[in-house]
Amino acid sequence: MLNLGLTLTLASILIGLCSAASWFYAGFVKVDHEKAVEDRLRKARKKGEEPNYASVSLDGWDMSATFSAQSKWNSLGALFAACSILLQAVAQVVSY
C-alpha cells in the first residue's frame, strides 16, 4: 500500500501535468468571430438588452473573446500549479 507522502507526490505530479496542459492550451485557444457574436447575442437576450456587436477581429478570430478564453485557461493553469505546489509541501511535511 502506498504511504501518504508518495500518494501526495503522485497527485502533485498529475495536477502539475493538468497545469501544464492548461497553459499549453491557453497559448492556442481562439474564438472565431461568428461564435463570439452568437455568445454576445445570447447573453444580451438573457439580460433583455441590446447586443453590443462592436469587436475587433484578426484573421477571423475575435480578439476580445480570444483574450477572455485565454485568460480563463491561464487562470485554471495557475490554480492547478498552486494546488500542485501545496501538495508537494504537504508531502514533504508528512514524510518526516
Protein backbone atom coordinates (compact mmCIF):
# COMPACT_ATOMS: atom_id res chain seq x y z
CA MET A 1 0.00 0.00 0.00
CA LEU A 2 1.23 3.47 -0.83
CA ASN A 3 2.14 5.76 2.01
CA LEU A 4 0.61 9.23 2.30
CA GLY A 5 3.73 11.10 1.19
CA LEU A 6 4.02 9.09 -2.02
CA THR A 7 0.29 9.45 -2.73
CA LEU A 8 0.50 13.22 -2.31
CA THR A 9 3.56 13.36 -4.55
CA LEU A 10 1.82 11.38 -7.29
CA ALA A 11 -1.25 13.61 -7.01
CA SER A 12 1.02 16.65 -7.23
CA ILE A 13 2.57 15.32 -10.43
CA LEU A 14 -0.82 14.68 -12.02
CA ILE A 15 -2.14 18.10 -11.06
CA GLY A 16 1.12 19.64 -12.34
CA LEU A 17 0.51 17.95 -15.69
CA CYS A 18 -3.00 19.43 -15.73
CA SER A 19 -1.44 22.82 -15.09
CA ALA A 20 0.97 22.42 -17.97
CA ALA A 21 -1.82 21.26 -20.29
CA SER A 22 -3.99 24.24 -19.33
CA TRP A 23 -1.20 26.72 -20.01
CA PHE A 24 -0.33 24.97 -23.27
CA TYR A 25 -3.95 25.13 -24.43
CA ALA A 26 -4.21 28.79 -23.38
CA GLY A 27 -1.49 29.58 -25.91
CA PHE A 28 -3.52 28.15 -28.78
CA VAL A 29 -7.20 28.71 -27.91
CA LYS A 30 -9.01 31.04 -30.30
CA VAL A 31 -12.66 32.13 -30.62
CA ASP A 32 -13.94 32.76 -34.12
CA HIS A 33 -15.89 35.92 -34.84
CA GLU A 34 -19.20 34.14 -35.55
CA LYS A 35 -19.14 32.26 -32.24
CA ALA A 36 -18.31 35.48 -30.36
CA VAL A 37 -21.26 37.28 -31.98
CA GLU A 38 -23.57 34.37 -31.11
CA ASP A 39 -22.37 34.47 -27.49
CA ARG A 40 -22.92 38.23 -27.27
CA LEU A 41 -26.42 37.87 -28.73
CA ARG A 42 -27.29 35.05 -26.32
CA LYS A 43 -26.04 36.99 -23.29
CA ALA A 44 -27.90 40.13 -24.36
CA ARG A 45 -31.16 38.20 -24.80
CA LYS A 46 -30.71 36.63 -21.39
CA LYS A 47 -30.33 40.10 -19.83
CA GLY A 48 -33.04 41.66 -22.01
CA GLU A 49 -30.62 44.17 -23.53
CA GLU A 50 -29.49 45.11 -27.00
CA PRO A 51 -26.37 43.16 -28.02
CA ASN A 52 -23.08 45.00 -28.42
CA TYR A 53 -21.67 43.95 -31.78
CA ALA A 54 -18.54 46.10 -31.52
CA SER A 55 -15.48 43.92 -31.87
CA VAL A 56 -12.05 43.61 -33.40
CA SER A 57 -11.21 40.54 -35.40
CA LEU A 58 -7.95 39.37 -36.86
CA ASP A 59 -7.85 36.55 -39.42
CA GLY A 60 -11.41 35.62 -38.46
CA TRP A 61 -10.69 35.43 -34.73
CA ASP A 62 -12.46 37.76 -32.31
CA MET A 63 -9.71 39.36 -30.26
CA SER A 64 -11.72 40.21 -27.12
CA ALA A 65 -13.34 36.78 -26.87
CA THR A 66 -10.00 35.09 -27.59
CA PHE A 67 -8.26 37.08 -24.85
CA SER A 68 -11.07 36.18 -22.46
CA ALA A 69 -10.79 32.47 -23.28
CA GLN A 70 -7.00 32.57 -22.91
CA SER A 71 -7.38 34.33 -19.56
CA LYS A 72 -9.71 31.62 -18.27
CA TRP A 73 -7.30 28.84 -19.29
CA ASN A 74 -4.32 30.74 -17.79
CA SER A 75 -6.24 31.12 -14.52
CA LEU A 76 -7.03 27.42 -14.47
CA GLY A 77 -3.36 26.62 -15.11
CA ALA A 78 -2.31 28.85 -12.22
CA LEU A 79 -4.86 27.21 -9.92
CA PHE A 80 -3.57 23.75 -10.82
CA ALA A 81 0.03 24.92 -10.26
CA ALA A 82 -0.83 26.30 -6.82
CA CYS A 83 -2.55 23.04 -5.84
CA SER A 84 0.42 21.04 -7.10
CA ILE A 85 2.88 23.10 -5.04
CA LEU A 86 0.65 22.84 -1.97
CA LEU A 87 0.55 19.05 -2.31
CA GLN A 88 4.35 18.97 -2.68
CA ALA A 89 4.75 20.98 0.52
CA VAL A 90 2.33 18.77 2.45
CA ALA A 91 4.05 15.64 1.10
CA GLN A 92 7.36 16.93 2.44
CA VAL A 93 5.85 17.61 5.88
CA VAL A 94 4.16 14.21 6.21
CA SER A 95 7.29 12.39 5.01
CA TYR A 96 9.15 13.35 8.20
